[in-house]
Amino acid sequence: MRCRLPAQRCAKHSHRFALLMHDPSPKPAVFLDRDDTLIRCNGLAPGNDLGDPALVEPLPGAVEACRRLKDAGFLLVVITNQGGVARGRYTEADVQRVHERIDAVFQGVFDAFRACPYHPEGTVPKYAREHPWRKPSPGMILDAAQELNIDLARSWTVGDKERDAAAGRTAGCATILISAPGPVPAPGGGETPETAPLSVDHFAPDLRAAADIILSHADPPLNR
């Protein structure tokens, strides 16, 4: 689903889109996972993604990190699997409301939100299937790249699951896995030994450190 930007930002976004169309050169972007990368999952059970906007809580340093990336010239796109819709835990409208709250908390830095409500083990027939937008597939990245004229070769993905890195790798982006010391998250939500081969370019303990990595690799330097 292409989540709408809040109504109060539509004019601003339209102006930004017009500027992008005026300058046809593709722009670099950072594609950001949502839960446990930007915001805390509030201690919910594994797989029970956040569906209540009242529970949105940014992780420490996440707002500042996004602002630094935005000020450096990167487009920022949130890409999130929301299989809770397929499992009947909440609706697409709930996802929209959560994203409106995130947009407000992060002070309007995001250029787009993408969410995949599908899951092959879903209980809601409409959503109970695989879908090319569902990470580790790169569909959300490719869709946003087409809409926003993004240079994927100069772009990054940041997330706390290996599936986030896999989606970015397939799309041609550099990848950062948010991972504490110890076993790293696996595509299915479990753990794999640190020695397991991973298609990840960099590891970082949090989004602040990930932003440091991205900004140190920007070549040529972007607008600061």
N, C-alpha and C. Protein backbone atom coordinates (compact mmCIF):
# COMPACT_ATOMS: atom_id res chain seq x y z
N MET A 1 0.84 -1.18 0.00
CA MET A 1 0.00 0.00 0.00
C MET A 1 0.88 1.24 0.00
N ARG A 2 0.50 2.21 -0.82
CA ARG A 2 1.18 3.50 -0.83
C ARG A 2 0.49 4.39 0.19
N CYS A 3 1.07 4.51 1.36
CA CYS A 3 0.43 5.28 2.42
C CYS A 3 0.45 6.76 2.07
N ARG A 4 -0.67 7.41 2.29
CA ARG A 4 -0.80 8.84 2.00
C ARG A 4 -0.01 9.65 3.01
N LEU A 5 0.57 10.75 2.53
CA LEU A 5 1.14 11.72 3.45
C LEU A 5 0.00 12.47 4.12
N PRO A 6 0.18 12.93 5.35
CA PRO A 6 -0.87 13.70 6.01
C PRO A 6 -1.32 14.88 5.16
N ALA A 7 -2.60 15.21 5.28
CA ALA A 7 -3.20 16.24 4.42
C ALA A 7 -2.46 17.57 4.53
N GLN A 8 -2.00 17.92 5.74
CA GLN A 8 -1.35 19.21 5.93
C GLN A 8 0.00 19.28 5.22
N ARG A 9 0.52 18.12 4.78
CA ARG A 9 1.80 18.12 4.08
C ARG A 9 1.65 17.97 2.58
N CYS A 10 0.44 17.81 2.07
CA CYS A 10 0.25 17.55 0.65
C CYS A 10 0.83 18.67 -0.22
N ALA A 11 0.59 19.92 0.15
CA ALA A 11 1.09 21.04 -0.64
C ALA A 11 2.61 21.06 -0.65
N LYS A 12 3.20 20.83 0.53
CA LYS A 12 4.66 20.80 0.63
C LYS A 12 5.23 19.67 -0.21
N HIS A 13 4.59 18.50 -0.14
CA HIS A 13 5.08 17.35 -0.90
C HIS A 13 4.94 17.60 -2.40
N SER A 14 3.83 18.23 -2.81
CA SER A 14 3.64 18.52 -4.22
C SER A 14 4.72 19.47 -4.73
N HIS A 15 5.10 20.43 -3.90
CA HIS A 15 6.17 21.36 -4.28
C HIS A 15 7.49 20.60 -4.42
N ARG A 16 7.76 19.69 -3.47
CA ARG A 16 8.99 18.90 -3.53
C ARG A 16 9.00 18.03 -4.78
N PHE A 17 7.85 17.40 -5.09
CA PHE A 17 7.75 16.56 -6.27
C PHE A 17 8.01 17.37 -7.54
N ALA A 18 7.49 18.61 -7.57
CA ALA A 18 7.71 19.48 -8.72
C ALA A 18 9.20 19.79 -8.88
N LEU A 19 9.89 19.99 -7.76
CA LEU A 19 11.32 20.25 -7.83
C LEU A 19 12.07 19.03 -8.36
N LEU A 20 11.64 17.83 -7.94
CA LEU A 20 12.27 16.62 -8.43
C LEU A 20 12.09 16.48 -9.94
N MET A 21 10.90 16.83 -10.43
CA MET A 21 10.63 16.73 -11.85
C MET A 21 11.43 17.79 -12.63
N HIS A 22 11.67 18.94 -12.01
CA HIS A 22 12.45 19.99 -12.66
C HIS A 22 13.90 19.56 -12.80
N ASP A 23 14.40 18.83 -11.83
CA ASP A 23 15.77 18.31 -11.88
C ASP A 23 15.68 16.82 -12.18
N PRO A 24 15.90 16.41 -13.44
CA PRO A 24 15.69 15.01 -13.82
C PRO A 24 16.75 14.04 -13.31
N SER A 25 17.83 14.53 -12.73
CA SER A 25 18.87 13.63 -12.27
C SER A 25 18.38 12.81 -11.08
N PRO A 26 18.57 11.49 -11.10
CA PRO A 26 18.12 10.64 -9.99
C PRO A 26 18.80 11.03 -8.68
N LYS A 27 18.07 10.88 -7.60
CA LYS A 27 18.56 11.24 -6.27
C LYS A 27 18.83 9.99 -5.44
N PRO A 28 19.81 10.05 -4.54
CA PRO A 28 20.01 8.93 -3.62
C PRO A 28 18.96 8.96 -2.51
N ALA A 29 18.69 7.80 -1.96
CA ALA A 29 17.70 7.69 -0.89
C ALA A 29 18.19 6.74 0.18
N VAL A 30 17.57 6.84 1.34
CA VAL A 30 17.74 5.85 2.39
C VAL A 30 16.37 5.22 2.62
N PHE A 31 16.30 3.91 2.42
CA PHE A 31 15.07 3.16 2.65
C PHE A 31 15.14 2.58 4.07
N LEU A 32 14.18 2.97 4.89
CA LEU A 32 14.23 2.66 6.31
C LEU A 32 13.13 1.69 6.71
N ASP A 33 13.52 0.60 7.35
CA ASP A 33 12.54 -0.26 8.00
C ASP A 33 11.87 0.55 9.11
N ARG A 34 10.69 0.12 9.54
CA ARG A 34 9.94 0.90 10.52
C ARG A 34 10.14 0.40 11.95
N ASP A 35 9.55 -0.77 12.26
CA ASP A 35 9.52 -1.25 13.64
C ASP A 35 10.89 -1.74 14.10
N ASP A 36 11.33 -1.24 15.24
CA ASP A 36 12.62 -1.56 15.84
C ASP A 36 13.81 -1.04 15.03
N THR A 37 13.53 -0.15 14.08
CA THR A 37 14.57 0.62 13.40
C THR A 37 14.32 2.11 13.63
N LEU A 38 13.11 2.56 13.31
CA LEU A 38 12.69 3.94 13.59
C LEU A 38 11.97 4.06 14.92
N ILE A 39 11.05 3.13 15.17
CA ILE A 39 10.22 3.20 16.38
C ILE A 39 10.29 1.89 17.14
N ARG A 40 10.02 1.99 18.43
CA ARG A 40 10.01 0.83 19.30
C ARG A 40 8.72 0.03 19.07
N CYS A 41 8.84 -1.29 19.12
CA CYS A 41 7.65 -2.13 18.99
C CYS A 41 6.89 -2.25 20.31
N ASN A 42 7.32 -1.50 21.32
CA ASN A 42 6.58 -1.39 22.58
C ASN A 42 6.48 -2.72 23.32
N GLY A 43 7.48 -3.59 23.13
CA GLY A 43 7.49 -4.85 23.86
C GLY A 43 6.43 -5.82 23.44
N LEU A 44 5.88 -5.66 22.22
CA LEU A 44 4.85 -6.57 21.75
C LEU A 44 5.45 -7.93 21.45
N ALA A 45 4.59 -8.93 21.40
CA ALA A 45 5.04 -10.28 21.09
C ALA A 45 5.65 -10.31 19.69
N PRO A 46 6.61 -11.23 19.43
CA PRO A 46 7.22 -11.30 18.11
C PRO A 46 6.16 -11.43 17.01
N GLY A 47 6.31 -10.64 15.98
CA GLY A 47 5.38 -10.68 14.87
C GLY A 47 4.16 -9.81 15.04
N ASN A 48 3.93 -9.28 16.25
CA ASN A 48 2.75 -8.45 16.49
C ASN A 48 3.13 -6.99 16.25
N ASP A 49 3.17 -6.61 14.99
CA ASP A 49 3.61 -5.27 14.63
C ASP A 49 2.67 -4.22 15.20
N LEU A 50 3.20 -3.04 15.35
CA LEU A 50 2.46 -1.94 15.96
C LEU A 50 1.31 -1.47 15.07
N GLY A 51 0.10 -1.43 15.61
CA GLY A 51 -1.06 -0.97 14.86
C GLY A 51 -1.81 0.16 15.52
N ASP A 52 -1.27 0.70 16.60
CA ASP A 52 -1.94 1.75 17.37
C ASP A 52 -1.08 3.01 17.36
N PRO A 53 -1.53 4.10 16.75
CA PRO A 53 -0.70 5.31 16.69
C PRO A 53 -0.35 5.88 18.05
N ALA A 54 -1.16 5.59 19.06
CA ALA A 54 -0.88 6.12 20.40
C ALA A 54 0.38 5.50 20.99
N LEU A 55 0.82 4.37 20.45
CA LEU A 55 1.99 3.68 20.98
C LEU A 55 3.28 4.00 20.22
N VAL A 56 3.21 4.90 19.26
CA VAL A 56 4.41 5.25 18.50
C VAL A 56 5.44 5.91 19.41
N GLU A 57 6.62 5.34 19.46
CA GLU A 57 7.72 5.87 20.28
C GLU A 57 9.01 5.76 19.48
N PRO A 58 9.61 6.88 19.08
CA PRO A 58 10.85 6.80 18.32
C PRO A 58 11.97 6.22 19.16
N LEU A 59 12.83 5.45 18.54
CA LEU A 59 14.00 4.94 19.23
C LEU A 59 14.98 6.08 19.49
N PRO A 60 15.80 5.96 20.54
CA PRO A 60 16.72 7.04 20.88
C PRO A 60 17.60 7.44 19.69
N GLY A 61 17.63 8.71 19.40
CA GLY A 61 18.48 9.24 18.33
C GLY A 61 17.92 9.08 16.93
N ALA A 62 16.77 8.42 16.77
CA ALA A 62 16.26 8.15 15.43
C ALA A 62 15.81 9.42 14.72
N VAL A 63 15.14 10.32 15.44
CA VAL A 63 14.67 11.56 14.83
C VAL A 63 15.86 12.39 14.35
N GLU A 64 16.85 12.51 15.20
CA GLU A 64 18.05 13.28 14.84
C GLU A 64 18.76 12.65 13.64
N ALA A 65 18.87 11.32 13.63
CA ALA A 65 19.56 10.63 12.53
C ALA A 65 18.85 10.88 11.20
N CYS A 66 17.53 10.82 11.21
CA CYS A 66 16.77 11.07 9.98
C CYS A 66 16.95 12.51 9.51
N ARG A 67 16.96 13.45 10.43
CA ARG A 67 17.15 14.84 10.06
C ARG A 67 18.53 15.06 9.44
N ARG A 68 19.54 14.42 9.99
CA ARG A 68 20.89 14.55 9.43
C ARG A 68 20.93 14.02 7.99
N LEU A 69 20.30 12.87 7.77
CA LEU A 69 20.28 12.30 6.43
C LEU A 69 19.51 13.18 5.46
N LYS A 70 18.39 13.71 5.91
CA LYS A 70 17.59 14.61 5.07
C LYS A 70 18.38 15.87 4.73
N ASP A 71 19.03 16.46 5.73
CA ASP A 71 19.81 17.67 5.51
C ASP A 71 20.99 17.42 4.58
N ALA A 72 21.47 16.17 4.53
CA ALA A 72 22.58 15.83 3.65
C ALA A 72 22.15 15.62 2.21
N GLY A 73 20.85 15.62 1.95
CA GLY A 73 20.37 15.51 0.58
C GLY A 73 19.75 14.19 0.20
N PHE A 74 19.60 13.27 1.14
CA PHE A 74 18.97 11.99 0.85
C PHE A 74 17.45 12.10 0.91
N LEU A 75 16.77 11.42 -0.01
CA LEU A 75 15.35 11.17 0.16
C LEU A 75 15.19 10.08 1.21
N LEU A 76 14.12 10.14 1.98
CA LEU A 76 13.88 9.15 3.03
C LEU A 76 12.55 8.45 2.77
N VAL A 77 12.60 7.12 2.69
CA VAL A 77 11.41 6.32 2.39
C VAL A 77 11.29 5.22 3.44
N VAL A 78 10.14 5.14 4.08
CA VAL A 78 9.86 4.07 5.04
C VAL A 78 9.28 2.89 4.29
N ILE A 79 9.86 1.70 4.47
CA ILE A 79 9.34 0.48 3.85
C ILE A 79 9.13 -0.56 4.96
N THR A 80 7.91 -1.07 5.08
CA THR A 80 7.60 -1.93 6.21
C THR A 80 6.65 -3.06 5.84
N ASN A 81 6.99 -4.28 6.23
CA ASN A 81 6.05 -5.39 6.17
C ASN A 81 5.03 -5.22 7.28
N GLN A 82 3.76 -5.26 6.96
CA GLN A 82 2.71 -5.16 7.97
C GLN A 82 1.76 -6.34 7.84
N GLY A 83 2.33 -7.54 8.11
CA GLY A 83 1.56 -8.77 8.04
C GLY A 83 0.44 -8.84 9.07
N GLY A 84 0.46 -7.95 10.06
CA GLY A 84 -0.63 -7.91 11.02
C GLY A 84 -1.97 -7.62 10.37
N VAL A 85 -1.95 -6.94 9.22
CA VAL A 85 -3.19 -6.71 8.48
C VAL A 85 -3.73 -8.04 7.96
N ALA A 86 -2.85 -8.85 7.38
CA ALA A 86 -3.26 -10.15 6.87
C ALA A 86 -3.74 -11.08 7.97
N ARG A 87 -3.22 -10.89 9.17
CA ARG A 87 -3.62 -11.74 10.30
C ARG A 87 -4.83 -11.19 11.05
N GLY A 88 -5.37 -10.08 10.59
CA GLY A 88 -6.56 -9.52 11.19
C GLY A 88 -6.34 -8.78 12.49
N ARG A 89 -5.11 -8.42 12.79
CA ARG A 89 -4.81 -7.72 14.04
C ARG A 89 -5.16 -6.25 13.97
N TYR A 90 -5.07 -5.67 12.79
CA TYR A 90 -5.42 -4.28 12.56
C TYR A 90 -5.65 -4.10 11.07
N THR A 91 -6.03 -2.93 10.65
CA THR A 91 -6.43 -2.69 9.26
C THR A 91 -5.43 -1.80 8.53
N GLU A 92 -5.62 -1.69 7.22
CA GLU A 92 -4.79 -0.76 6.45
C GLU A 92 -5.00 0.67 6.94
N ALA A 93 -6.22 0.99 7.35
CA ALA A 93 -6.49 2.33 7.89
C ALA A 93 -5.69 2.57 9.16
N ASP A 94 -5.52 1.53 9.99
CA ASP A 94 -4.70 1.67 11.20
C ASP A 94 -3.24 1.94 10.82
N VAL A 95 -2.75 1.23 9.81
CA VAL A 95 -1.38 1.46 9.35
C VAL A 95 -1.22 2.90 8.89
N GLN A 96 -2.20 3.41 8.16
CA GLN A 96 -2.16 4.80 7.71
C GLN A 96 -2.07 5.75 8.89
N ARG A 97 -2.88 5.51 9.92
CA ARG A 97 -2.87 6.39 11.09
C ARG A 97 -1.53 6.32 11.83
N VAL A 98 -0.96 5.13 11.92
CA VAL A 98 0.36 5.00 12.54
C VAL A 98 1.38 5.81 11.75
N HIS A 99 1.32 5.76 10.44
CA HIS A 99 2.29 6.49 9.62
C HIS A 99 2.09 7.99 9.71
N GLU A 100 0.86 8.42 9.85
CA GLU A 100 0.63 9.85 10.07
C GLU A 100 1.24 10.31 11.39
N ARG A 101 1.13 9.46 12.40
CA ARG A 101 1.73 9.80 13.70
C ARG A 101 3.26 9.80 13.61
N ILE A 102 3.82 8.81 12.94
CA ILE A 102 5.27 8.77 12.76
C ILE A 102 5.74 10.01 12.01
N ASP A 103 5.03 10.39 10.97
CA ASP A 103 5.40 11.56 10.19
C ASP A 103 5.43 12.81 11.06
N ALA A 104 4.46 12.92 11.98
CA ALA A 104 4.42 14.08 12.87
C ALA A 104 5.58 14.05 13.87
N VAL A 105 5.83 12.88 14.46
CA VAL A 105 6.89 12.76 15.46
C VAL A 105 8.25 13.04 14.84
N PHE A 106 8.44 12.60 13.59
CA PHE A 106 9.72 12.80 12.91
C PHE A 106 9.76 14.11 12.11
N GLN A 107 8.79 14.97 12.36
CA GLN A 107 8.80 16.35 11.85
C GLN A 107 8.82 16.43 10.32
N GLY A 108 8.10 15.51 9.69
CA GLY A 108 7.90 15.59 8.25
C GLY A 108 9.11 15.35 7.38
N VAL A 109 10.05 14.51 7.84
CA VAL A 109 11.27 14.30 7.04
C VAL A 109 11.09 13.27 5.93
N PHE A 110 10.02 12.48 5.99
CA PHE A 110 9.90 11.36 5.06
C PHE A 110 9.26 11.78 3.74
N ASP A 111 9.80 11.24 2.65
CA ASP A 111 9.28 11.54 1.31
C ASP A 111 8.20 10.56 0.89
N ALA A 112 8.17 9.37 1.47
CA ALA A 112 7.15 8.39 1.12
C ALA A 112 7.12 7.29 2.17
N PHE A 113 5.96 6.65 2.27
CA PHE A 113 5.78 5.46 3.09
C PHE A 113 5.27 4.34 2.19
N ARG A 114 5.84 3.16 2.35
CA ARG A 114 5.33 1.97 1.68
C ARG A 114 5.11 0.89 2.73
N ALA A 115 3.99 0.19 2.63
CA ALA A 115 3.69 -0.89 3.57
C ALA A 115 3.11 -2.06 2.81
N CYS A 116 3.52 -3.27 3.17
CA CYS A 116 2.99 -4.48 2.54
C CYS A 116 2.08 -5.19 3.54
N PRO A 117 0.75 -5.22 3.30
CA PRO A 117 -0.18 -5.83 4.23
C PRO A 117 -0.36 -7.33 4.03
N TYR A 118 0.36 -7.92 3.09
CA TYR A 118 0.14 -9.33 2.74
C TYR A 118 1.03 -10.26 3.56
N HIS A 119 0.54 -11.49 3.75
CA HIS A 119 1.33 -12.53 4.41
C HIS A 119 0.78 -13.88 3.97
N PRO A 120 1.65 -14.80 3.56
CA PRO A 120 1.16 -16.09 3.06
C PRO A 120 0.41 -16.91 4.11
N GLU A 121 0.62 -16.62 5.39
CA GLU A 121 -0.08 -17.34 6.46
C GLU A 121 -1.19 -16.49 7.08
N GLY A 122 -1.65 -15.49 6.35
CA GLY A 122 -2.69 -14.62 6.86
C GLY A 122 -4.03 -15.32 7.01
N THR A 123 -4.88 -14.74 7.83
CA THR A 123 -6.22 -15.29 8.07
C THR A 123 -7.30 -14.47 7.37
N VAL A 124 -6.94 -13.32 6.83
CA VAL A 124 -7.88 -12.49 6.06
C VAL A 124 -7.68 -12.83 4.59
N PRO A 125 -8.66 -13.47 3.95
CA PRO A 125 -8.45 -13.99 2.59
C PRO A 125 -7.88 -12.97 1.60
N LYS A 126 -8.31 -11.73 1.69
CA LYS A 126 -7.84 -10.71 0.75
C LYS A 126 -6.33 -10.54 0.78
N TYR A 127 -5.73 -10.77 1.93
CA TYR A 127 -4.30 -10.51 2.11
C TYR A 127 -3.47 -11.78 2.30
N ALA A 128 -4.09 -12.94 2.28
CA ALA A 128 -3.40 -14.19 2.62
C ALA A 128 -2.66 -14.76 1.42
N ARG A 129 -1.60 -14.11 1.05
CA ARG A 129 -0.77 -14.56 -0.08
C ARG A 129 0.57 -13.85 -0.05
N GLU A 130 1.48 -14.39 -0.83
CA GLU A 130 2.74 -13.70 -1.03
C GLU A 130 2.50 -12.50 -1.95
N HIS A 131 3.45 -11.58 -1.92
CA HIS A 131 3.31 -10.37 -2.74
C HIS A 131 4.71 -9.84 -3.03
N PRO A 132 4.92 -9.29 -4.23
CA PRO A 132 6.27 -8.80 -4.58
C PRO A 132 6.73 -7.62 -3.74
N TRP A 133 5.83 -7.00 -2.98
CA TRP A 133 6.25 -5.92 -2.08
C TRP A 133 6.76 -6.45 -0.75
N ARG A 134 6.48 -7.69 -0.43
CA ARG A 134 6.83 -8.20 0.90
C ARG A 134 8.32 -8.51 0.97
N LYS A 135 9.02 -7.82 1.87
CA LYS A 135 10.44 -8.11 2.06
C LYS A 135 10.59 -9.57 2.51
N PRO A 136 11.60 -10.29 1.97
CA PRO A 136 12.83 -9.81 1.32
C PRO A 136 12.74 -9.45 -0.16
N SER A 137 11.56 -9.51 -0.76
CA SER A 137 11.45 -9.04 -2.14
C SER A 137 11.59 -7.51 -2.17
N PRO A 138 12.07 -6.96 -3.27
CA PRO A 138 12.39 -5.53 -3.31
C PRO A 138 11.27 -4.64 -3.83
N GLY A 139 10.04 -5.15 -3.91
CA GLY A 139 8.97 -4.42 -4.59
C GLY A 139 8.71 -3.02 -4.07
N MET A 140 8.72 -2.83 -2.74
CA MET A 140 8.47 -1.50 -2.19
C MET A 140 9.57 -0.53 -2.58
N ILE A 141 10.80 -1.00 -2.57
CA ILE A 141 11.93 -0.16 -2.96
C ILE A 141 11.81 0.25 -4.43
N LEU A 142 11.52 -0.72 -5.29
CA LEU A 142 11.45 -0.44 -6.72
C LEU A 142 10.29 0.50 -7.05
N ASP A 143 9.17 0.34 -6.37
CA ASP A 143 8.03 1.21 -6.61
C ASP A 143 8.34 2.65 -6.22
N ALA A 144 8.92 2.84 -5.04
CA ALA A 144 9.27 4.19 -4.60
C ALA A 144 10.35 4.80 -5.49
N ALA A 145 11.30 3.97 -5.93
CA ALA A 145 12.37 4.47 -6.79
C ALA A 145 11.81 5.00 -8.10
N GLN A 146 10.82 4.32 -8.64
CA GLN A 146 10.21 4.78 -9.89
C GLN A 146 9.45 6.07 -9.68
N GLU A 147 8.70 6.16 -8.59
CA GLU A 147 7.90 7.36 -8.34
C GLU A 147 8.77 8.59 -8.06
N LEU A 148 9.84 8.40 -7.28
CA LEU A 148 10.63 9.53 -6.81
C LEU A 148 11.92 9.74 -7.58
N ASN A 149 12.15 8.95 -8.64
CA ASN A 149 13.36 9.09 -9.46
C ASN A 149 14.61 8.91 -8.60
N ILE A 150 14.70 7.76 -7.98
CA ILE A 150 15.79 7.46 -7.04
C ILE A 150 16.91 6.70 -7.75
N ASP A 151 18.13 7.09 -7.46
CA ASP A 151 19.32 6.40 -7.94
C ASP A 151 19.63 5.27 -6.96
N LEU A 152 19.24 4.05 -7.30
CA LEU A 152 19.40 2.94 -6.37
C LEU A 152 20.87 2.60 -6.11
N ALA A 153 21.73 2.84 -7.08
CA ALA A 153 23.15 2.53 -6.90
C ALA A 153 23.80 3.43 -5.86
N ARG A 154 23.20 4.58 -5.57
CA ARG A 154 23.73 5.49 -4.56
C ARG A 154 22.86 5.49 -3.30
N SER A 155 21.98 4.53 -3.20
CA SER A 155 21.03 4.49 -2.09
C SER A 155 21.38 3.40 -1.09
N TRP A 156 20.69 3.46 0.05
CA TRP A 156 20.95 2.56 1.18
C TRP A 156 19.65 2.00 1.73
N THR A 157 19.75 0.81 2.31
CA THR A 157 18.65 0.29 3.13
C THR A 157 19.17 0.10 4.55
N VAL A 158 18.30 0.38 5.52
CA VAL A 158 18.64 0.20 6.93
C VAL A 158 17.49 -0.53 7.60
N GLY A 159 17.80 -1.62 8.29
CA GLY A 159 16.76 -2.37 8.99
C GLY A 159 17.36 -3.33 9.99
N ASP A 160 16.50 -3.90 10.83
CA ASP A 160 16.99 -4.78 11.90
C ASP A 160 16.81 -6.25 11.58
N LYS A 161 16.38 -6.59 10.38
CA LYS A 161 16.23 -7.98 9.97
C LYS A 161 17.03 -8.22 8.69
N GLU A 162 17.50 -9.45 8.53
CA GLU A 162 18.26 -9.77 7.33
C GLU A 162 17.39 -9.60 6.08
N ARG A 163 16.09 -9.77 6.21
CA ARG A 163 15.22 -9.57 5.05
C ARG A 163 15.27 -8.13 4.54
N ASP A 164 15.52 -7.17 5.45
CA ASP A 164 15.67 -5.78 5.03
C ASP A 164 16.89 -5.63 4.13
N ALA A 165 17.98 -6.25 4.56
CA ALA A 165 19.21 -6.19 3.77
C ALA A 165 19.05 -6.94 2.45
N ALA A 166 18.34 -8.07 2.48
CA ALA A 166 18.13 -8.85 1.26
C ALA A 166 17.35 -8.05 0.22
N ALA A 167 16.34 -7.33 0.67
CA ALA A 167 15.56 -6.50 -0.26
C ALA A 167 16.44 -5.41 -0.87
N GLY A 168 17.24 -4.77 -0.04
CA GLY A 168 18.12 -3.74 -0.54
C GLY A 168 19.17 -4.27 -1.49
N ARG A 169 19.73 -5.42 -1.15
CA ARG A 169 20.75 -6.02 -2.01
C ARG A 169 20.17 -6.33 -3.39
N THR A 170 18.99 -6.92 -3.41
CA THR A 170 18.37 -7.27 -4.69
C THR A 170 18.08 -6.02 -5.52
N ALA A 171 17.72 -4.92 -4.86
CA ALA A 171 17.41 -3.67 -5.56
C ALA A 171 18.66 -2.92 -6.00
N GLY A 172 19.83 -3.34 -5.53
CA GLY A 172 21.07 -2.69 -5.92
C GLY A 172 21.56 -1.61 -4.97
N CYS A 173 21.03 -1.61 -3.74
CA CYS A 173 21.43 -0.61 -2.73
C CYS A 173 22.53 -1.16 -1.83
N ALA A 174 23.24 -0.26 -1.18
CA ALA A 174 24.11 -0.65 -0.07
C ALA A 174 23.23 -0.95 1.14
N THR A 175 23.71 -1.80 2.04
CA THR A 175 22.85 -2.29 3.11
C THR A 175 23.51 -2.14 4.48
N ILE A 176 22.69 -1.80 5.47
CA ILE A 176 23.12 -1.73 6.86
C ILE A 176 22.14 -2.52 7.70
N LEU A 177 22.66 -3.43 8.52
CA LEU A 177 21.83 -4.21 9.43
C LEU A 177 22.00 -3.65 10.84
N ILE A 178 20.89 -3.24 11.44
CA ILE A 178 20.90 -2.81 12.83
C ILE A 178 20.96 -4.06 13.68
N SER A 179 22.05 -4.25 14.39
CA SER A 179 22.23 -5.49 15.13
C SER A 179 23.11 -5.24 16.34
N ALA A 180 22.63 -5.66 17.51
CA ALA A 180 23.44 -5.62 18.72
C ALA A 180 24.47 -6.73 18.66
N PRO A 181 25.52 -6.65 19.47
CA PRO A 181 26.49 -7.74 19.51
C PRO A 181 25.80 -9.05 19.83
N GLY A 182 26.26 -10.12 19.19
CA GLY A 182 25.64 -11.42 19.40
C GLY A 182 24.96 -11.89 18.14
N PRO A 183 24.11 -12.91 18.26
CA PRO A 183 23.42 -13.44 17.08
C PRO A 183 22.60 -12.36 16.38
N VAL A 184 22.51 -12.46 15.07
CA VAL A 184 21.79 -11.45 14.29
C VAL A 184 20.44 -11.99 13.87
N PRO A 185 19.48 -11.11 13.61
CA PRO A 185 18.15 -11.56 13.20
C PRO A 185 18.19 -12.27 11.86
N ALA A 186 17.35 -13.27 11.70
CA ALA A 186 17.23 -14.00 10.45
C ALA A 186 15.96 -13.59 9.73
N PRO A 187 15.83 -13.96 8.44
CA PRO A 187 14.64 -13.54 7.69
C PRO A 187 13.33 -13.93 8.35
N GLY A 188 13.29 -15.07 9.01
CA GLY A 188 12.05 -15.51 9.63
C GLY A 188 11.84 -14.97 11.02
N GLY A 189 12.72 -14.11 11.49
CA GLY A 189 12.55 -13.52 12.81
C GLY A 189 13.34 -14.24 13.89
N GLY A 190 14.03 -15.35 13.54
CA GLY A 190 14.82 -16.07 14.52
C GLY A 190 16.23 -15.53 14.57
N GLU A 191 17.18 -16.37 14.95
CA GLU A 191 18.56 -15.93 15.05
C GLU A 191 19.45 -16.89 14.28
N THR A 192 20.53 -16.35 13.77
CA THR A 192 21.55 -17.16 13.13
C THR A 192 22.88 -16.84 13.79
N PRO A 193 23.83 -17.75 13.81
CA PRO A 193 25.13 -17.45 14.42
C PRO A 193 25.81 -16.30 13.70
N GLU A 194 26.65 -15.59 14.43
CA GLU A 194 27.38 -14.48 13.83
C GLU A 194 28.24 -14.93 12.67
N THR A 195 28.63 -16.21 12.68
CA THR A 195 29.51 -16.70 11.64
C THR A 195 28.76 -17.02 10.36
N ALA A 196 27.42 -16.99 10.38
CA ALA A 196 26.66 -17.30 9.17
C ALA A 196 26.91 -16.23 8.11
N PRO A 197 27.02 -16.64 6.84
CA PRO A 197 27.24 -15.65 5.78
C PRO A 197 26.01 -14.77 5.59
N LEU A 198 26.21 -13.46 5.55
CA LEU A 198 25.12 -12.51 5.39
C LEU A 198 25.45 -11.56 4.26
N SER A 199 24.45 -11.24 3.45
CA SER A 199 24.65 -10.27 2.38
C SER A 199 24.40 -8.87 2.91
N VAL A 200 25.27 -8.44 3.81
CA VAL A 200 25.13 -7.14 4.46
C VAL A 200 26.46 -6.39 4.31
N ASP A 201 26.37 -5.12 3.94
CA ASP A 201 27.59 -4.33 3.76
C ASP A 201 28.14 -3.81 5.08
N HIS A 202 27.26 -3.41 5.99
CA HIS A 202 27.69 -2.83 7.25
C HIS A 202 26.73 -3.24 8.37
N PHE A 203 27.26 -3.27 9.58
CA PHE A 203 26.45 -3.47 10.78
C PHE A 203 26.53 -2.21 11.63
N ALA A 204 25.45 -1.90 12.32
CA ALA A 204 25.41 -0.73 13.19
C ALA A 204 24.52 -1.04 14.39
N PRO A 205 24.85 -0.50 15.57
CA PRO A 205 24.04 -0.78 16.75
C PRO A 205 22.71 -0.05 16.77
N ASP A 206 22.60 1.06 16.03
CA ASP A 206 21.36 1.83 16.02
C ASP A 206 21.36 2.75 14.80
N LEU A 207 20.27 3.50 14.65
CA LEU A 207 20.14 4.35 13.46
C LEU A 207 21.13 5.50 13.48
N ARG A 208 21.51 5.98 14.66
CA ARG A 208 22.51 7.04 14.72
C ARG A 208 23.81 6.59 14.09
N ALA A 209 24.25 5.39 14.46
CA ALA A 209 25.49 4.85 13.90
C ALA A 209 25.34 4.56 12.42
N ALA A 210 24.16 4.10 12.01
CA ALA A 210 23.92 3.86 10.59
C ALA A 210 24.03 5.15 9.79
N ALA A 211 23.49 6.24 10.33
CA ALA A 211 23.60 7.53 9.65
C ALA A 211 25.05 7.96 9.51
N ASP A 212 25.85 7.71 10.55
CA ASP A 212 27.27 8.04 10.47
C ASP A 212 27.93 7.29 9.31
N ILE A 213 27.61 6.00 9.17
CA ILE A 213 28.18 5.20 8.09
C ILE A 213 27.78 5.76 6.74
N ILE A 214 26.50 6.04 6.57
CA ILE A 214 26.00 6.53 5.29
C ILE A 214 26.65 7.85 4.92
N LEU A 215 26.70 8.77 5.87
CA LEU A 215 27.27 10.09 5.58
C LEU A 215 28.76 10.01 5.29
N SER A 216 29.45 9.07 5.91
CA SER A 216 30.88 8.93 5.67
C SER A 216 31.18 8.34 4.29
N HIS A 217 30.18 7.66 3.69
CA HIS A 217 30.37 7.04 2.39
C HIS A 217 29.77 7.85 1.25
N ALA A 218 29.11 8.96 1.54
CA ALA A 218 28.49 9.75 0.48
C ALA A 218 29.57 10.29 -0.45
N ASP A 219 29.51 9.92 -1.72
CA ASP A 219 30.54 10.30 -2.69
C ASP A 219 29.89 10.44 -4.07
N PRO A 220 29.89 11.67 -4.62
CA PRO A 220 30.44 12.88 -4.02
C PRO A 220 29.58 13.35 -2.86
N PRO A 221 30.13 14.22 -1.98
CA PRO A 221 29.34 14.69 -0.84
C PRO A 221 28.05 15.35 -1.31
N LEU A 222 26.96 15.09 -0.59
CA LEU A 222 25.67 15.68 -0.91
C LEU A 222 25.54 17.02 -0.21
N ASN A 223 24.45 17.72 -0.49
CA ASN A 223 24.19 18.99 0.18
C ASN A 223 24.09 18.78 1.68
N ARG A 224 24.75 19.60 2.43
CA ARG A 224 24.72 19.48 3.89
C ARG A 224 24.12 20.74 4.47
